[in-house]
Protein backbone atom coordinates (compact mmCIF):
# COMPACT_ATOMS: atom_id res chain seq x y z
CA MET A 1 28.78 12.04 13.50
CA GLN A 2 26.86 14.58 11.58
CA GLY A 3 25.68 14.09 7.99
CA HIS A 4 24.38 16.39 5.28
CA GLY A 5 20.77 16.69 4.21
CA THR A 6 19.32 16.99 0.74
CA ALA A 7 19.12 20.78 0.43
CA ALA A 8 19.66 22.25 -3.03
CA GLY A 9 23.23 23.27 -3.72
CA GLU A 10 24.83 20.69 -1.44
CA GLU A 11 27.49 18.50 -2.95
CA SER A 12 26.11 15.20 -4.27
CA ALA A 13 27.83 11.85 -3.80
CA ALA A 14 28.67 11.74 -7.51
CA GLN A 15 30.40 15.12 -7.35
CA GLN A 16 32.51 14.29 -4.31
CA THR A 17 35.94 13.15 -5.45
CA ARG A 18 37.35 11.87 -2.19
CA TYR A 19 36.29 9.84 0.82
CA PHE A 20 37.52 10.73 4.27
CA VAL A 21 39.72 8.04 5.86
CA PRO A 22 40.57 8.76 9.50
CA PRO A 23 44.14 8.28 10.76
CA PRO A 24 45.03 5.16 12.76
CA SER A 25 43.23 5.15 16.11
CA ARG A 26 44.10 3.63 19.49
CA TRP A 27 40.45 3.24 20.47
CA PRO A 28 39.83 -0.25 18.97
CA LEU A 29 42.78 -1.57 20.99
CA VAL A 30 41.49 0.16 24.11
CA GLY A 31 38.07 -1.43 23.50
CA ALA A 32 39.63 -4.87 23.14
CA VAL A 33 41.40 -4.43 26.50
CA ALA A 34 38.11 -3.34 28.08
CA LEU A 35 36.22 -6.38 26.79
CA PHE A 36 39.04 -8.70 27.92
CA CYS A 37 38.89 -7.26 31.45
CA ILE A 38 35.09 -7.56 31.52
CA GLY A 39 35.15 -11.18 30.33
CA LEU A 40 37.95 -12.11 32.72
CA GLY A 41 36.20 -10.36 35.59
CA ALA A 42 32.91 -12.15 34.86
CA ALA A 43 34.66 -15.53 34.89
CA PHE A 44 36.43 -14.74 38.16
CA ALA A 45 33.25 -13.36 39.76
CA LEU A 46 31.28 -16.50 38.90
CA ASN A 47 33.93 -18.52 40.74
CA GLY A 48 33.82 -16.27 43.79
CA MET A 49 37.29 -14.80 43.31
CA LEU A 50 38.12 -11.36 44.71
CA LEU A 51 39.74 -10.31 41.45
CA GLY A 52 36.38 -10.64 39.67
CA PRO A 53 34.69 -7.38 40.78
CA LEU A 54 37.99 -5.49 40.40
CA SER A 55 38.48 -6.70 36.83
CA LEU A 56 34.85 -6.02 35.96
CA GLY A 57 35.05 -2.50 37.34
CA ALA A 58 38.29 -1.79 35.49
CA GLY A 59 36.82 -3.15 32.25
CA VAL A 60 33.71 -1.00 32.51
CA ALA A 61 35.81 2.09 33.30
CA ILE A 62 38.07 1.47 30.32
CA LEU A 63 35.05 0.88 28.08
CA VAL A 64 33.47 4.20 29.14
CA TRP A 65 36.80 5.96 28.49
CA MET A 66 36.92 4.41 25.01
CA LEU A 67 33.37 5.44 24.16
CA VAL A 68 33.87 9.03 25.32
CA GLY A 69 37.20 9.38 23.54
CA TRP A 70 36.16 7.72 20.29
CA PHE A 71 32.95 9.69 19.91
CA ARG A 72 34.76 12.88 20.86
CA ASP A 73 37.13 12.28 17.94
CA VAL A 74 34.22 11.59 15.59
CA ILE A 75 32.45 14.77 16.66
CA ARG A 76 35.63 16.78 16.11
CA GLU A 77 36.03 15.33 12.62
CA SER A 78 32.42 16.17 11.85
CA ARG A 79 32.74 19.73 13.13
CA ALA A 80 35.88 20.16 11.04
CA GLY A 81 33.91 19.34 7.87
CA SER A 82 35.57 16.00 7.19
CA TYR A 83 32.24 14.27 6.53
CA ARG A 84 30.47 15.11 3.30
CA ALA A 85 28.00 13.42 0.95
CA ARG A 86 29.65 10.03 0.55
CA GLU A 87 30.40 9.75 4.25
CA ASP A 88 26.81 10.73 4.99
CA MET A 89 25.57 7.91 2.78
CA SER A 90 27.82 5.45 4.61
CA PHE A 91 26.47 6.60 7.95
CA ARG A 92 22.88 6.15 6.80
CA TRP A 93 23.48 2.67 5.44
CA GLY A 94 25.43 1.73 8.56
CA MET A 95 22.68 2.89 10.91
CA GLY A 96 20.05 1.19 8.78
CA TRP A 97 21.86 -2.16 8.89
CA PHE A 98 22.51 -1.77 12.62
CA ILE A 99 18.80 -1.29 13.33
CA PHE A 100 18.04 -4.26 11.05
CA SER A 101 20.39 -6.39 13.16
CA GLU A 102 18.53 -5.22 16.25
CA VAL A 103 15.24 -6.21 14.62
CA MET A 104 16.63 -9.72 14.10
CA PHE A 105 17.86 -9.75 17.70
CA PHE A 106 14.39 -9.15 19.09
CA ALA A 107 12.82 -11.38 16.42
CA ALA A 108 14.73 -14.29 17.95
CA PHE A 109 13.29 -13.46 21.38
CA PHE A 110 9.73 -13.20 20.05
CA GLY A 111 10.34 -16.46 18.19
CA ALA A 112 11.34 -18.16 21.44
CA LEU A 113 8.19 -16.87 23.14
CA TYR A 114 6.06 -18.07 20.20
CA TYR A 115 7.66 -21.51 20.31
CA VAL A 116 7.06 -21.93 24.03
CA ARG A 117 3.45 -20.75 24.01
CA VAL A 118 2.12 -21.95 20.66
CA ILE A 119 4.15 -25.10 19.89
CA ALA A 120 5.84 -26.59 22.97
CA LEU A 121 3.08 -25.91 25.51
CA PRO A 122 0.21 -27.63 23.62
CA GLU A 123 2.47 -30.51 22.66
CA LEU A 124 3.54 -31.15 26.25
CA GLY A 125 -0.11 -31.11 27.29
CA ASP A 126 -1.44 -33.56 24.69
CA GLU A 127 -2.71 -37.05 25.45
CA THR A 128 0.63 -38.73 24.67
CA HIS A 129 2.53 -36.68 27.23
CA LYS A 130 -0.23 -37.13 29.83
CA LEU A 131 1.28 -40.56 30.46
CA LEU A 132 4.53 -38.90 31.56
CA TRP A 133 3.14 -35.83 33.32
CA PRO A 134 -0.49 -36.52 34.22
CA ASP A 135 -0.80 -33.38 36.37
CA PHE A 136 0.75 -31.00 33.85
CA ASN A 137 -1.50 -28.06 33.01
CA PRO A 138 -0.72 -26.59 29.55
CA ALA A 139 -1.81 -23.08 30.52
CA TRP A 140 0.14 -19.83 30.31
CA PRO A 141 1.88 -18.76 32.45
CA LEU A 142 3.44 -22.13 33.10
CA GLN A 143 3.52 -23.66 36.55
CA THR A 144 7.00 -23.99 38.01
CA ALA A 145 6.62 -27.77 38.22
CA PRO A 146 3.96 -30.37 37.31
CA GLY A 147 1.41 -30.89 40.06
CA ILE A 148 2.55 -27.90 42.11
CA ASP A 149 0.61 -24.66 42.30
CA ALA A 150 2.46 -21.67 40.91
CA VAL A 151 4.56 -19.91 43.51
CA TYR A 152 4.52 -16.71 41.48
CA GLN A 153 1.99 -14.41 39.86
CA ALA A 154 2.07 -13.17 36.28
CA MET A 155 2.67 -9.47 35.72
CA GLY A 156 -0.53 -7.64 34.83
CA ALA A 157 -0.73 -5.35 31.82
CA TRP A 158 -2.76 -2.43 33.14
CA GLY A 159 -0.60 -1.14 35.96
CA LEU A 160 2.96 0.08 35.51
CA PRO A 161 3.34 -1.57 32.08
CA ALA A 162 0.47 0.50 30.69
CA ILE A 163 1.90 3.65 32.25
CA ASN A 164 5.32 2.91 30.77
CA THR A 165 3.69 2.35 27.39
CA ALA A 166 2.11 5.79 27.58
CA ILE A 167 5.48 7.26 28.60
CA LEU A 168 7.33 5.74 25.65
CA LEU A 169 4.63 6.76 23.18
CA SER A 170 4.78 10.29 24.57
CA SER A 171 8.58 10.29 24.23
CA GLY A 172 8.20 9.42 20.55
CA GLY A 173 5.92 12.42 20.17
CA THR A 174 8.29 14.82 21.94
CA LEU A 175 11.19 13.55 19.85
CA THR A 176 9.22 14.13 16.64
CA TRP A 177 8.37 17.64 17.89
CA ALA A 178 12.09 18.23 18.48
CA HIS A 179 12.81 17.01 14.95
CA TRP A 180 10.37 19.52 13.52
CA GLY A 181 12.20 22.19 15.49
CA MET A 182 15.49 21.04 13.99
CA ILE A 183 14.16 21.16 10.43
CA GLU A 184 12.54 24.57 10.92
CA GLY A 185 15.54 26.07 12.71
CA LYS A 186 13.67 26.51 16.01
CA ARG A 187 16.47 25.81 18.45
CA SER A 188 14.37 26.36 21.57
CA GLN A 189 11.76 23.83 20.43
CA LEU A 190 14.54 21.40 19.54
CA ALA A 191 16.22 21.72 22.94
CA TRP A 192 12.98 21.43 24.92
CA GLY A 193 11.75 18.46 22.89
CA LEU A 194 15.03 16.59 23.32
CA GLY A 195 15.26 17.40 27.01
CA ILE A 196 11.73 16.18 27.69
CA THR A 197 12.43 12.99 25.72
CA VAL A 198 15.51 12.27 27.83
CA LEU A 199 13.51 12.83 31.03
CA LEU A 200 10.76 10.48 29.81
CA GLY A 201 13.38 7.83 29.06
CA MET A 202 14.77 8.18 32.58
CA LEU A 203 11.25 7.96 34.02
CA PHE A 204 10.57 4.78 32.04
CA LEU A 205 13.73 3.15 33.41
CA SER A 206 12.89 4.19 36.97
CA LEU A 207 9.40 2.70 36.74
CA GLN A 208 10.75 -0.49 35.19
CA ALA A 209 13.21 -0.86 38.07
CA TYR A 210 10.29 -0.43 40.50
CA GLU A 211 8.31 -2.99 38.50
CA TYR A 212 11.14 -5.52 38.81
CA HIS A 213 11.34 -4.93 42.56
CA HIS A 214 7.58 -5.47 42.82
CA ALA A 215 7.77 -8.64 40.72
CA LEU A 216 10.59 -10.13 42.79
CA SER A 217 9.44 -9.13 46.27
CA GLU A 218 5.64 -9.33 46.01
CA LEU A 219 4.80 -11.57 43.04
CA GLY A 220 7.59 -14.11 43.53
CA LEU A 221 8.48 -13.75 39.86
CA SER A 222 12.13 -14.53 39.10
CA PHE A 223 14.30 -16.32 36.55
CA ALA A 224 13.44 -19.53 38.41
CA SER A 225 9.74 -19.08 37.66
CA GLY A 226 9.73 -21.45 34.71
CA ALA A 227 9.53 -20.41 31.07
CA TYR A 228 7.34 -17.43 31.91
CA GLY A 229 9.85 -15.87 34.27
CA MET A 230 12.77 -16.48 31.92
CA THR A 231 11.05 -15.02 28.84
CA PHE A 232 9.63 -12.09 30.83
CA TYR A 233 12.98 -10.93 32.19
CA MET A 234 14.89 -11.78 29.03
CA MET A 235 12.66 -9.70 26.75
CA THR A 236 11.85 -6.78 29.03
CA GLY A 237 15.38 -6.66 30.41
CA PHE A 238 17.07 -6.45 27.02
CA HIS A 239 14.55 -3.85 25.95
CA GLY A 240 15.33 -1.85 29.10
CA MET A 241 19.02 -2.00 28.19
CA HIS A 242 18.15 -0.54 24.78
CA VAL A 243 16.14 2.23 26.43
CA LEU A 244 19.17 3.03 28.62
CA VAL A 245 21.47 3.20 25.59
CA GLY A 246 18.96 5.31 23.66
CA THR A 247 18.55 7.70 26.60
CA LEU A 248 22.33 8.15 26.85
CA ILE A 249 22.58 8.80 23.11
CA LEU A 250 19.79 11.37 23.20
CA ALA A 251 21.39 13.03 26.23
CA VAL A 252 24.64 13.44 24.28
CA ILE A 253 22.72 14.87 21.31
CA TRP A 254 20.91 17.26 23.68
CA VAL A 255 24.23 18.53 25.07
CA ARG A 256 25.50 19.03 21.52
CA VAL A 257 22.35 20.98 20.65
CA LEU A 258 22.89 23.25 23.64
CA ARG A 259 26.45 23.85 22.39
CA GLY A 260 25.17 24.96 18.99
CA HIS A 261 25.91 21.85 16.96
CA PHE A 262 23.80 20.80 13.93
CA SER A 263 21.81 22.81 11.43
CA GLU A 264 18.59 22.40 9.46
CA HIS A 265 20.37 20.39 6.74
CA ASN A 266 23.29 18.92 8.66
CA HIS A 267 22.11 16.77 11.56
CA PHE A 268 22.32 13.07 10.81
CA ALA A 269 23.56 12.27 14.34
CA PHE A 270 20.20 13.51 15.58
CA GLU A 271 18.34 11.53 12.92
CA ALA A 272 20.23 8.33 13.77
CA ALA A 273 19.34 8.73 17.45
CA ALA A 274 15.69 9.34 16.48
CA TRP A 275 15.62 6.20 14.29
CA TYR A 276 16.96 4.16 17.18
CA TRP A 277 14.47 5.61 19.68
CA HIS A 278 11.46 5.01 17.43
CA PHE A 279 12.64 1.41 16.96
CA VAL A 280 12.76 1.02 20.74
CA ASP A 281 9.19 2.42 20.92
CA VAL A 282 7.87 -0.10 18.40
CA VAL A 283 9.54 -3.03 20.16
CA TRP A 284 7.95 -2.00 23.45
CA LEU A 285 4.49 -1.93 21.88
CA LEU A 286 5.01 -5.51 20.73
CA LEU A 287 6.30 -6.49 24.18
CA PHE A 288 3.30 -4.91 25.86
CA VAL A 289 0.89 -6.88 23.65
CA PHE A 290 2.60 -10.29 23.60
CA VAL A 291 4.34 -10.39 27.01
CA TYR A 292 2.00 -8.42 29.27
CA TRP A 293 -1.43 -8.38 27.63
CA LEU A 294 -2.04 -11.69 25.82
């Protein structure tokens, strides 16, 4: 999608007399089939059935086909001039509410971490519960079981996590530099800034994969490592998934830039991707402080 800016002379929402309604599309049905295959495949895979991986693979392939086809249609509609002021306003509100839903998504995760560390942990270690678990140590990270030394180590903050923090902060800077290039009509600056941002996103994901390998093979940190292991992988893993999605979105925008799409006042697809990426940056800063550092 591709919305209009606020340049003088552009048609305002009040002046627009019609709202574009796309023709009936097959893509929602295709998406439903993809999700059915994925769900069915997951159920079969959990029960060790051969059909599980096949159904999962088919579902993922159909889902990718749907995403490519649906967004291709949206881009074509945008390039044809179907989206104007009212549509642009809908896109902005839609992206805003989507990011708000993502904020609530991560707020639930941070709430779970807060509950475990600030409420449940001290309560389980008070004098009343000492009668039940006399050897329980209410320290973070939690031991895997009362009376047993931890069989894992907590992930430190000043190794790869600090490097990844610098990488994501740098990617926010390169994306902002690309945005300035978009606004000023400097296509070369725009393309370089976007390309570097995509590369930094890929580097972040590569280092996070290495970090997980290090945690599993050398620190003994897994989902079975008590509340610490579960919250660590849950929060960093879902954030990594968001980085992957954001990197793919920015890569698509970069390809569109190279093909001459967008202008100084007509580039909401780029803005939406930038909003999403800056949100991902902010979430990582909070993760670095509350999961790795404190």
